[in-house]
Amino acid sequence: MTAVFARPAYHDALSRLADRHLLRDLAYVGGRWIAAATGQSFSVTDPASSATLGWVASLGAEETAIAIDAASEALAVWRALLPQNRAAILRKWHALMLAAKEDLALIMTLEQGKPLAEARGEIDYAASFIEWYAEEGRRVNAESITSHLPGAEMLVRREALGVVGIVTPWNFPAAMVTRKAAAALAAGCTVVAHPSSETPLSALALAELGERAGIPAGVFNVVTGPAATIVGQMCSDVRLRAMSFTGSTEVGRLIAAQCAPTMKRLVMELGGHAPLIVFDDADIEKAVEIAVNAKFATSGQDCLAANRIFVQRRIADDFVKAFAARIGELKVGAGLDNGSEVGPLMHERAVVKIEEQVADALAQGARLVIGGRRHKAGRLFYEPTLLTDVPTDALIMREETFGPVAALATFDTEEEVVARANDTEYGLVAYIVTENGARQMRLGRALEYGMVAVNRVKITGGPIPFGGWKQSGLGREGSRHGLEAFTELKYLCIDIAA
């Protein structure tokens, strides 16, 4: 194997890795670990301590084109494999991920900052998509059409779309890779992946395990470096037939515009601005736990995070008291600290945005119940915060927050809160807490969101179609729909007349 991290690794916690070969500082292209032609690299740091983890190859347009070359050359053989043969490789990749869970979780915590327990959970979640699609790829069946023409037999089949580009974010650096790549690979496509430059190590570790699992050269490529250059090359190359992107709506629009000249298939999971609606028939203790989990997981840096919490007026005071007490119990610290529940934010920009949103809400009359400033744990930590009486026009009620700040407002009627919840350009997920079964069904229909969670937070996984309405995305990931996104329909009309 090529030597890893020719430059020294600076973080002491890296010595805890059982398998040092999972730490890679080179990109993975055409079955080879390559440096940038320019020799350039970029640093990866721990957001909890700002310590350097290592340096990763910074590729450009030339190497991206080479990765697309490799994926194009590998496509015919990979697409021609029987589904069960592709599935066998994916199942081995899945098994290797689970066997390496502790190392993968450590790498993720160090580069992303999330608590180690959350990182372990993400590795399980990421691996589950590989397992799901290993089986789902065997169920892509042709369908027969009752012929409307004499002497003709008609079939419709799904075939692999081609080379797929995937662009993944820093908040879920393993799961966003596998949710996209496993679907594409199971469909018979080849992949060129670009991970966030803030968290490339998780994707490179997955490439290492994929190589060990027997993924053929060129089938799965990881290109590290500046997003504008790499993604721009991916968008402009006509050989790349689809782009799958997770990130902000703003960047999604830019990618869509760049892909328009080559008419690429787009699968996009974009911004969210989730409402969490608590009705007065809810059990307050249960509702508080739902609110804590929906708001503060991944330090609030999650497109599924509850950004706007609406509580029916009759129980609002009791809910706020209990919610504030629970928020005050959350342990803030580095992801490797024992019991840490809220880690650092990813970068200074995120902290500044939160500070601006909190200041704006307070200036408009919101009340600060707890938190409201940077945490003593470090410069990228922010105190878990609760704002109440937040006006509709406050920035935090109009923009995605991506941090550990809960914004709460009260409501009186069901009709009122539905209108307020739907008053956004986003439509990814909505949360409802109520014991009224009829109301659960009414709101499930009335809320303009791709996913609705009733009395729970965890709803995602391999079998479900993940995605949003309006400006929250295009297409779906997970489920059979996520695989079908990487296929083309082909209609066969066969003359069988004697």
Protein backbone atom coordinates (compact mmCIF):
# COMPACT_ATOMS: atom_id res chain seq x y z
CA MET A 1 0.00 0.00 0.00
CA THR A 2 1.04 3.59 -0.57
CA ALA A 3 2.39 5.22 2.56
CA VAL A 4 -0.14 7.38 4.37
CA PHE A 5 0.45 10.82 5.82
CA ALA A 6 3.96 11.48 4.60
CA ARG A 7 3.72 14.70 6.60
CA PRO A 8 3.48 14.17 10.36
CA ALA A 9 0.05 13.80 11.97
CA TYR A 10 -0.19 16.36 14.73
CA HIS A 11 -3.12 15.23 16.81
CA ASP A 12 -2.33 12.94 19.75
CA ALA A 13 -5.67 11.13 19.52
CA LEU A 14 -4.68 9.66 16.15
CA SER A 15 -2.45 7.25 18.06
CA ARG A 16 -5.65 5.50 19.17
CA LEU A 17 -6.31 4.21 15.66
CA ALA A 18 -6.05 0.44 15.40
CA ASP A 19 -5.65 0.61 11.62
CA ARG A 20 -3.44 3.52 10.58
CA HIS A 21 -4.00 2.73 6.91
CA LEU A 22 -7.48 4.18 7.21
CA LEU A 23 -5.87 7.62 7.43
CA ARG A 24 -5.15 8.69 3.87
CA ASP A 25 -3.65 11.94 2.62
CA LEU A 26 -3.98 11.19 -1.11
CA ALA A 27 -6.99 11.21 -3.41
CA TYR A 28 -8.29 7.92 -4.81
CA VAL A 29 -8.56 7.90 -8.61
CA GLY A 30 -8.72 4.92 -10.94
CA GLY A 31 -7.75 2.49 -8.19
CA ARG A 32 -4.62 4.49 -7.30
CA TRP A 33 -3.80 6.89 -4.47
CA ILE A 34 -2.59 10.07 -6.14
CA ALA A 35 -1.18 13.45 -5.17
CA ALA A 36 -2.03 16.69 -6.90
CA ALA A 37 -0.05 17.37 -10.08
CA THR A 38 0.94 20.69 -8.51
CA GLY A 39 2.00 19.03 -5.28
CA GLN A 40 -0.43 21.22 -3.36
CA SER A 41 -2.26 20.06 -0.25
CA PHE A 42 -4.58 21.53 2.36
CA SER A 43 -4.78 21.08 6.10
CA VAL A 44 -7.54 19.32 7.99
CA THR A 45 -8.08 20.49 11.55
CA ASP A 46 -9.97 19.44 14.65
CA PRO A 47 -12.68 22.08 15.27
CA ALA A 48 -12.58 21.37 19.01
CA SER A 49 -8.91 22.27 19.44
CA SER A 50 -7.81 23.74 16.08
CA ALA A 51 -5.02 21.14 16.08
CA THR A 52 -3.89 19.89 12.67
CA LEU A 53 -4.87 16.35 11.81
CA GLY A 54 -2.92 16.17 8.58
CA TRP A 55 -2.60 17.43 5.01
CA VAL A 56 -4.63 16.14 2.07
CA ALA A 57 -3.91 16.33 -1.65
CA SER A 58 -5.52 19.35 -3.28
CA LEU A 59 -6.49 18.23 -6.78
CA GLY A 60 -7.76 20.40 -9.60
CA ALA A 61 -9.65 20.24 -12.88
CA GLU A 62 -7.02 18.08 -14.58
CA GLU A 63 -7.19 15.32 -11.97
CA THR A 64 -10.98 15.56 -11.87
CA ALA A 65 -11.08 14.90 -15.60
CA ILE A 66 -8.77 11.91 -15.05
CA ALA A 67 -11.19 10.58 -12.41
CA ILE A 68 -14.08 10.92 -14.87
CA ASP A 69 -11.91 9.13 -17.47
CA ALA A 70 -11.39 6.27 -15.02
CA ALA A 71 -15.08 6.08 -14.12
CA SER A 72 -16.05 6.11 -17.80
CA GLU A 73 -13.62 3.32 -18.64
CA ALA A 74 -14.82 1.18 -15.72
CA LEU A 75 -18.52 1.69 -16.47
CA ALA A 76 -19.09 -1.01 -19.09
CA VAL A 77 -17.66 -3.85 -17.00
CA TRP A 78 -19.31 -2.73 -13.75
CA ARG A 79 -22.68 -2.21 -15.43
CA ALA A 80 -22.49 -5.65 -17.05
CA LEU A 81 -21.95 -7.48 -13.75
CA LEU A 82 -24.91 -9.45 -12.49
CA PRO A 83 -26.66 -7.59 -9.64
CA GLN A 84 -25.73 -10.33 -7.20
CA ASN A 85 -22.06 -9.90 -8.05
CA ARG A 86 -22.21 -6.18 -7.35
CA ALA A 87 -24.16 -6.98 -4.19
CA ALA A 88 -21.44 -9.33 -2.93
CA ILE A 89 -18.87 -6.53 -3.15
CA LEU A 90 -21.19 -4.06 -1.43
CA ARG A 91 -21.90 -6.51 1.39
CA LYS A 92 -18.17 -6.93 1.96
CA TRP A 93 -17.76 -3.14 2.04
CA HIS A 94 -20.56 -3.02 4.62
CA ALA A 95 -18.89 -5.68 6.78
CA LEU A 96 -15.53 -3.92 6.64
CA MET A 97 -17.14 -0.65 7.73
CA LEU A 98 -18.73 -2.25 10.76
CA ALA A 99 -15.48 -3.99 11.67
CA ALA A 100 -13.67 -0.64 11.53
CA LYS A 101 -16.42 1.32 13.31
CA GLU A 102 -14.28 2.55 16.19
CA ASP A 103 -11.55 3.87 13.90
CA LEU A 104 -14.02 5.44 11.48
CA ALA A 105 -15.87 7.11 14.35
CA LEU A 106 -12.64 8.47 15.81
CA ILE A 107 -11.61 9.94 12.45
CA MET A 108 -15.03 11.52 12.05
CA THR A 109 -15.08 13.04 15.53
CA LEU A 110 -11.63 14.51 15.06
CA GLU A 111 -12.37 16.16 11.71
CA GLN A 112 -16.05 17.07 12.25
CA GLY A 113 -16.30 17.61 16.00
CA LYS A 114 -19.45 15.63 16.79
CA PRO A 115 -19.49 13.57 20.01
CA LEU A 116 -17.95 10.13 19.63
CA ALA A 117 -21.25 8.41 20.45
CA GLU A 118 -22.93 10.29 17.58
CA ALA A 119 -20.05 9.39 15.26
CA ARG A 120 -20.46 5.70 16.08
CA GLY A 121 -24.15 6.03 15.31
CA GLU A 122 -23.39 7.65 11.99
CA ILE A 123 -21.07 4.81 10.98
CA ASP A 124 -23.87 2.32 11.66
CA TYR A 125 -26.26 4.56 9.71
CA ALA A 126 -23.81 4.96 6.82
CA ALA A 127 -23.14 1.24 6.61
CA SER A 128 -26.87 0.50 6.60
CA PHE A 129 -27.26 2.18 3.19
CA ILE A 130 -24.64 -0.12 1.69
CA GLU A 131 -26.42 -3.16 3.10
CA TRP A 132 -29.82 -1.91 1.91
CA TYR A 133 -28.71 -1.20 -1.65
CA ALA A 134 -26.75 -4.44 -1.89
CA GLU A 135 -30.14 -6.14 -1.73
CA GLU A 136 -32.23 -3.51 -3.49
CA GLY A 137 -30.00 -3.68 -6.56
CA ARG A 138 -31.18 -7.24 -7.10
CA ARG A 139 -34.80 -6.09 -7.34
CA VAL A 140 -34.56 -3.72 -10.30
CA ASN A 141 -36.97 -5.60 -12.53
CA ALA A 142 -38.29 -5.12 -16.04
CA GLU A 143 -42.02 -4.61 -16.45
CA SER A 144 -44.26 -5.86 -19.20
CA ILE A 145 -46.77 -3.59 -20.93
CA THR A 146 -50.01 -4.91 -22.35
CA SER A 147 -49.47 -4.25 -26.03
CA HIS A 148 -51.77 -1.87 -27.92
CA LEU A 149 -50.22 -2.96 -31.24
CA PRO A 150 -50.88 -6.29 -32.97
CA GLY A 151 -47.96 -8.70 -33.12
CA ALA A 152 -45.84 -6.73 -30.63
CA GLU A 153 -44.37 -7.54 -27.23
CA MET A 154 -43.49 -4.56 -25.03
CA LEU A 155 -41.03 -4.33 -22.17
CA VAL A 156 -39.71 -1.49 -20.03
CA ARG A 157 -36.43 -1.97 -18.18
CA ARG A 158 -34.17 0.16 -16.03
CA GLU A 159 -30.50 0.47 -17.00
CA ALA A 160 -27.61 2.19 -15.26
CA LEU A 161 -27.53 5.91 -15.99
CA GLY A 162 -23.75 6.16 -16.34
CA VAL A 163 -21.04 8.03 -14.44
CA VAL A 164 -22.44 9.79 -11.36
CA GLY A 165 -20.90 12.73 -9.53
CA ILE A 166 -21.59 13.08 -5.83
CA VAL A 167 -20.80 16.10 -3.68
CA THR A 168 -21.08 15.64 0.07
CA PRO A 169 -21.16 18.02 3.08
CA TRP A 170 -19.14 18.20 6.26
CA ASN A 171 -21.92 17.54 8.80
CA PHE A 172 -22.40 13.85 7.90
CA PRO A 173 -19.10 12.97 6.20
CA ALA A 174 -19.69 9.20 6.02
CA ALA A 175 -23.46 8.78 5.68
CA MET A 176 -23.85 11.24 2.83
CA VAL A 177 -21.18 9.37 0.86
CA THR A 178 -22.73 5.94 1.31
CA ARG A 179 -26.36 7.01 0.85
CA LYS A 180 -25.46 8.34 -2.59
CA ALA A 181 -22.66 6.03 -3.68
CA ALA A 182 -24.26 2.76 -2.61
CA ALA A 183 -27.40 3.53 -4.61
CA ALA A 184 -25.41 4.48 -7.70
CA LEU A 185 -23.10 1.47 -7.45
CA ALA A 186 -25.99 -0.94 -6.91
CA ALA A 187 -27.68 0.46 -10.02
CA GLY A 188 -24.55 -0.30 -12.05
CA CYS A 189 -23.19 3.25 -12.22
CA THR A 190 -19.64 4.36 -11.47
CA VAL A 191 -18.92 7.24 -9.10
CA VAL A 192 -16.72 10.32 -8.82
CA ALA A 193 -17.08 11.73 -5.30
CA HIS A 194 -16.02 15.10 -3.93
CA PRO A 195 -16.14 15.33 -0.11
CA SER A 196 -16.09 18.62 1.77
CA SER A 197 -12.55 19.92 2.23
CA GLU A 198 -13.33 20.34 5.92
CA THR A 199 -13.98 16.61 6.39
CA PRO A 200 -12.27 14.60 3.62
CA LEU A 201 -10.70 11.96 5.85
CA SER A 202 -13.92 9.99 6.37
CA ALA A 203 -14.52 9.67 2.62
CA LEU A 204 -10.92 8.61 2.00
CA ALA A 205 -11.20 5.96 4.73
CA LEU A 206 -14.32 4.64 3.00
CA ALA A 207 -12.39 4.48 -0.27
CA GLU A 208 -9.68 2.45 1.45
CA LEU A 209 -12.28 -0.01 2.72
CA GLY A 210 -13.98 -0.09 -0.67
CA GLU A 211 -10.69 -1.05 -2.29
CA ARG A 212 -10.27 -3.86 0.26
CA ALA A 213 -13.84 -5.00 -0.46
CA GLY A 214 -13.00 -5.49 -4.11
CA ILE A 215 -14.60 -2.46 -5.75
CA PRO A 216 -12.81 -2.47 -9.13
CA ALA A 217 -10.46 0.31 -10.14
CA GLY A 218 -12.29 3.34 -11.48
CA VAL A 219 -15.68 2.35 -10.10
CA PHE A 220 -15.45 4.55 -6.98
CA ASN A 221 -13.21 7.61 -7.05
CA VAL A 222 -12.64 10.29 -4.39
CA VAL A 223 -11.33 13.65 -5.58
CA THR A 224 -10.19 16.04 -2.83
CA GLY A 225 -9.52 19.74 -3.17
CA PRO A 226 -11.29 23.06 -3.84
CA ALA A 227 -15.01 22.67 -4.48
CA ALA A 228 -15.36 25.42 -7.07
CA THR A 229 -12.72 23.87 -9.33
CA ILE A 230 -13.61 20.21 -8.88
CA VAL A 231 -17.38 20.54 -8.91
CA GLY A 232 -17.20 22.97 -11.82
CA GLN A 233 -15.31 20.37 -13.86
CA MET A 234 -17.80 17.69 -12.88
CA CYS A 235 -20.75 19.85 -13.92
CA SER A 236 -19.26 20.72 -17.31
CA ASP A 237 -18.20 17.20 -18.35
CA VAL A 238 -20.86 15.66 -20.58
CA ARG A 239 -19.75 12.12 -19.70
CA LEU A 240 -20.95 12.61 -16.14
CA ARG A 241 -24.68 11.93 -16.41
CA ALA A 242 -25.94 12.83 -12.93
CA MET A 243 -25.00 15.04 -10.00
CA SER A 244 -26.08 14.19 -6.47
CA PHE A 245 -25.50 17.01 -4.01
CA THR A 246 -26.21 17.63 -0.34
CA GLY A 247 -25.74 21.16 0.94
CA SER A 248 -27.26 24.60 1.00
CA THR A 249 -30.05 25.67 -1.32
CA GLU A 250 -27.87 28.55 -2.52
CA VAL A 251 -25.07 26.25 -3.68
CA GLY A 252 -27.61 23.80 -5.08
CA ARG A 253 -28.94 26.51 -7.38
CA LEU A 254 -25.41 27.22 -8.63
CA ILE A 255 -24.76 23.55 -9.36
CA ALA A 256 -28.09 23.21 -11.16
CA ALA A 257 -27.22 26.19 -13.35
CA GLN A 258 -23.79 24.75 -14.18
CA CYS A 259 -25.31 21.37 -15.03
CA ALA A 260 -27.98 22.80 -17.34
CA PRO A 261 -25.83 22.88 -20.52
CA THR A 262 -25.14 19.13 -20.24
CA MET A 263 -28.69 18.22 -19.10
CA LYS A 264 -27.55 16.16 -16.12
CA ARG A 265 -29.92 14.29 -13.84
CA LEU A 266 -30.02 16.17 -10.52
CA VAL A 267 -30.59 14.68 -7.09
CA MET A 268 -30.36 17.37 -4.42
CA GLU A 269 -30.94 17.38 -0.70
CA LEU A 270 -30.83 21.06 0.18
CA GLY A 271 -31.60 23.35 3.09
CA GLY A 272 -34.20 22.79 5.76
CA HIS A 273 -36.09 25.00 8.20
CA ALA A 274 -38.02 22.40 10.16
CA PRO A 275 -40.95 23.33 12.35
CA LEU A 276 -41.60 21.38 15.54
CA ILE A 277 -45.23 21.77 16.62
CA VAL A 278 -46.22 20.86 20.19
CA PHE A 279 -49.96 20.73 20.89
CA ASP A 280 -51.48 21.14 24.32
CA ASP A 281 -52.50 17.49 24.55
CA ALA A 282 -48.86 16.40 24.44
CA ASP A 283 -47.01 14.84 27.33
CA ILE A 284 -44.62 17.67 28.23
CA GLU A 285 -41.75 15.45 29.35
CA LYS A 286 -41.92 13.47 26.12
CA ALA A 287 -42.26 16.64 24.05
CA VAL A 288 -39.17 18.14 25.70
CA GLU A 289 -37.07 15.07 24.91
CA ILE A 290 -38.26 15.19 21.31
CA ALA A 291 -37.35 18.88 21.13
CA VAL A 292 -33.89 18.32 22.61
CA ASN A 293 -33.11 15.50 20.20
CA ALA A 294 -34.54 17.32 17.19
CA LYS A 295 -32.67 20.54 17.96
CA PHE A 296 -29.31 19.70 19.52
CA ALA A 297 -28.09 16.53 17.78
CA THR A 298 -24.92 17.22 15.77
CA SER A 299 -24.77 20.52 17.72
CA GLY A 300 -27.74 21.66 15.67
CA GLN A 301 -25.73 21.35 12.46
CA ASP A 302 -28.27 19.22 10.66
CA CYS A 303 -30.69 19.98 7.84
CA LEU A 304 -33.27 18.00 9.84
CA ALA A 305 -32.80 20.12 12.97
CA ALA A 306 -35.91 21.73 14.44
CA ASN A 307 -35.33 25.41 13.68
CA ARG A 308 -38.75 26.79 14.65
CA ILE A 309 -40.50 25.43 17.72
CA PHE A 310 -44.20 26.25 18.03
CA VAL A 311 -45.90 25.45 21.35
CA GLN A 312 -49.63 25.83 21.98
CA ARG A 313 -50.17 28.68 24.39
CA ARG A 314 -51.93 26.75 27.19
CA ILE A 315 -48.82 24.65 27.95
CA ALA A 316 -46.14 27.09 26.80
CA ASP A 317 -44.95 28.20 30.25
CA ASP A 318 -44.62 24.64 31.55
CA PHE A 319 -42.90 23.52 28.36
CA VAL A 320 -40.40 26.39 28.44
CA LYS A 321 -39.52 25.71 32.07
CA ALA A 322 -38.90 22.02 31.44
CA PHE A 323 -37.12 22.61 28.12
CA ALA A 324 -34.76 25.19 29.63
CA ALA A 325 -33.92 22.84 32.49
CA ARG A 326 -33.13 20.03 30.06
CA ILE A 327 -31.01 22.32 27.88
CA GLY A 328 -29.05 23.38 30.96
CA GLU A 329 -28.14 19.73 31.58
CA LEU A 330 -26.54 19.22 28.16
CA LYS A 331 -22.82 18.59 28.40
CA VAL A 332 -20.77 20.75 26.05
CA GLY A 333 -17.27 19.64 25.13
CA ALA A 334 -14.92 18.13 22.60
CA GLY A 335 -16.27 15.08 20.83
CA LEU A 336 -13.78 12.80 22.58
CA ASP A 337 -14.72 14.02 26.08
CA ASN A 338 -16.66 11.43 28.07
CA GLY A 339 -20.37 12.14 27.96
CA SER A 340 -20.11 15.07 25.58
CA GLU A 341 -23.49 15.84 23.98
CA VAL A 342 -22.86 19.13 22.16
CA GLY A 343 -19.60 19.61 20.30
CA PRO A 344 -18.03 22.55 18.49
CA LEU A 345 -19.41 24.20 15.40
CA MET A 346 -17.54 23.54 12.19
CA HIS A 347 -15.97 26.96 11.64
CA GLU A 348 -15.96 30.59 12.70
CA ARG A 349 -18.55 31.57 10.07
CA ALA A 350 -21.10 29.31 11.73
CA VAL A 351 -20.56 30.88 15.14
CA VAL A 352 -20.79 34.39 13.74
CA LYS A 353 -24.07 33.57 11.97
CA ILE A 354 -25.58 32.30 15.22
CA GLU A 355 -24.43 35.39 17.08
CA GLU A 356 -26.08 37.56 14.44
CA GLN A 357 -29.33 35.60 14.60
CA VAL A 358 -29.49 35.73 18.40
CA ALA A 359 -28.73 39.46 18.49
CA ASP A 360 -31.38 40.14 15.85
CA ALA A 361 -34.03 38.11 17.71
CA LEU A 362 -33.32 39.90 21.00
CA ALA A 363 -33.43 43.28 19.28
CA GLN A 364 -36.88 42.39 17.96
CA GLY A 365 -38.24 41.49 21.38
CA ALA A 366 -37.36 37.83 21.90
CA ARG A 367 -36.53 36.70 25.44
CA LEU A 368 -33.28 34.88 26.27
CA VAL A 369 -34.02 32.03 28.69
CA ILE A 370 -30.67 30.24 28.76
CA GLY A 371 -27.35 30.40 26.91
CA GLY A 372 -26.78 33.10 24.33
CA ARG A 373 -22.99 33.32 24.01
CA ARG A 374 -19.85 31.42 23.11
CA HIS A 375 -18.99 28.60 25.47
CA LYS A 376 -15.86 28.55 27.56
CA ALA A 377 -14.90 25.18 26.03
CA GLY A 378 -13.36 26.95 23.01
CA ARG A 379 -13.76 29.53 20.29
CA LEU A 380 -16.01 27.34 18.10
CA PHE A 381 -18.32 26.25 20.92
CA TYR A 382 -21.64 27.96 21.56
CA GLU A 383 -23.83 27.55 24.59
CA PRO A 384 -27.04 25.57 24.05
CA THR A 385 -29.54 28.39 23.89
CA LEU A 386 -33.28 28.93 24.20
CA LEU A 387 -35.06 32.02 22.90
CA THR A 388 -38.79 32.48 23.48
CA ASP A 389 -41.38 34.92 22.17
CA VAL A 390 -39.42 35.03 18.92
CA PRO A 391 -41.21 37.21 16.34
CA THR A 392 -41.99 35.85 12.89
CA ASP A 393 -39.77 38.42 11.19
CA ALA A 394 -36.63 37.55 13.17
CA LEU A 395 -33.79 36.15 11.06
CA ILE A 396 -33.74 32.93 13.04
CA MET A 397 -37.38 32.29 12.05
CA ARG A 398 -36.63 32.91 8.35
CA GLU A 399 -33.17 31.34 7.88
CA GLU A 400 -31.65 27.95 8.56
CA THR A 401 -29.78 28.14 11.87
CA PHE A 402 -27.23 25.29 11.90
CA GLY A 403 -26.30 25.65 15.53
CA PRO A 404 -27.46 24.87 19.10
CA VAL A 405 -30.05 27.66 19.36
CA ALA A 406 -33.75 26.85 19.85
CA ALA A 407 -36.21 29.55 18.76
CA LEU A 408 -39.67 29.21 20.29
CA ALA A 409 -42.99 30.92 19.65
CA THR A 410 -46.53 30.22 20.82
CA PHE A 411 -49.71 29.59 18.83
CA ASP A 412 -53.40 29.27 19.52
CA THR A 413 -55.09 27.27 16.76
CA GLU A 414 -54.23 24.41 14.45
CA GLU A 415 -55.02 26.45 11.35
CA GLU A 416 -52.74 29.24 12.52
CA VAL A 417 -49.73 27.03 13.19
CA VAL A 418 -50.06 25.15 9.90
CA ALA A 419 -49.98 28.45 8.01
CA ARG A 420 -46.92 29.60 9.98
CA ALA A 421 -45.12 26.29 9.55
CA ASN A 422 -45.69 26.37 5.79
CA ASP A 423 -44.60 30.01 5.46
CA THR A 424 -41.09 29.21 4.21
CA GLU A 425 -39.33 28.37 0.97
CA TYR A 426 -38.11 25.14 2.58
CA GLY A 427 -39.97 21.85 2.92
CA LEU A 428 -37.69 19.07 4.13
CA VAL A 429 -39.09 17.77 7.42
CA ALA A 430 -41.69 18.77 10.01
CA TYR A 431 -42.21 17.41 13.53
CA ILE A 432 -45.58 17.08 15.29
CA VAL A 433 -46.17 16.22 18.96
CA THR A 434 -49.81 15.39 19.69
CA GLU A 435 -51.83 12.47 20.99
CA ASN A 436 -54.82 13.29 18.80
CA GLY A 437 -54.89 10.72 16.01
CA ALA A 438 -57.16 12.71 13.72
CA ARG A 439 -54.93 15.76 14.11
CA GLN A 440 -51.88 13.65 13.28
CA MET A 441 -53.46 12.69 9.98
CA ARG A 442 -54.72 16.22 9.22
CA LEU A 443 -51.31 17.77 9.75
CA GLY A 444 -49.62 14.96 7.88
CA ARG A 445 -51.62 16.10 4.88
CA ALA A 446 -51.56 19.86 5.48
CA LEU A 447 -47.83 20.39 6.10
CA GLU A 448 -45.89 21.10 2.91
CA TYR A 449 -42.90 18.92 3.69
CA GLY A 450 -41.40 15.82 2.13
CA MET A 451 -41.21 14.08 5.52
CA VAL A 452 -43.37 14.41 8.62
CA ALA A 453 -42.39 12.91 11.99
CA VAL A 454 -45.15 12.31 14.52
CA ASN A 455 -44.19 11.93 18.18
CA ARG A 456 -40.63 10.93 17.34
CA VAL A 457 -37.38 12.26 15.88
CA LYS A 458 -35.58 9.34 14.23
CA ILE A 459 -37.31 8.59 10.93
CA THR A 460 -34.59 8.09 8.33
CA GLY A 461 -32.86 4.97 7.01
CA GLY A 462 -32.31 2.84 3.95
CA PRO A 463 -35.94 1.94 3.21
CA ILE A 464 -37.36 5.50 3.27
CA PRO A 465 -37.40 8.12 0.48
CA PHE A 466 -35.41 11.00 2.01
CA GLY A 467 -36.01 14.40 0.47
CA GLY A 468 -37.95 17.62 0.52
CA TRP A 469 -40.45 19.83 -1.25
CA LYS A 470 -40.01 23.35 -2.62
CA GLN A 471 -36.47 24.73 -2.22
CA SER A 472 -35.38 21.79 -0.07
CA GLY A 473 -34.38 19.56 -2.94
CA LEU A 474 -34.97 17.50 -6.04
CA GLY A 475 -35.56 13.76 -6.09
CA ARG A 476 -35.14 11.31 -3.24
CA GLU A 477 -32.34 9.38 -1.56
CA GLY A 478 -32.80 6.03 0.14
CA SER A 479 -35.51 3.51 -0.76
CA ARG A 480 -36.03 2.14 -4.28
CA HIS A 481 -36.57 5.72 -5.44
CA GLY A 482 -32.98 6.54 -4.52
CA LEU A 483 -31.72 3.73 -6.72
CA GLU A 484 -34.08 4.53 -9.58
CA ALA A 485 -32.67 8.06 -9.69
CA PHE A 486 -29.49 6.55 -11.13
CA THR A 487 -31.24 4.56 -13.85
CA GLU A 488 -32.74 5.32 -17.24
CA LEU A 489 -35.93 3.76 -18.55
CA LYS A 490 -35.58 1.84 -21.79
CA TYR A 491 -38.64 0.72 -23.74
CA LEU A 492 -38.36 -2.34 -26.01
CA CYS A 493 -41.00 -3.06 -28.65
CA ILE A 494 -40.42 -6.49 -30.22
CA ASP A 495 -42.17 -7.75 -33.33
CA ILE A 496 -43.46 -11.26 -32.61
CA ALA A 497 -45.83 -11.59 -35.56
CA ALA A 498 -45.64 -14.94 -37.32
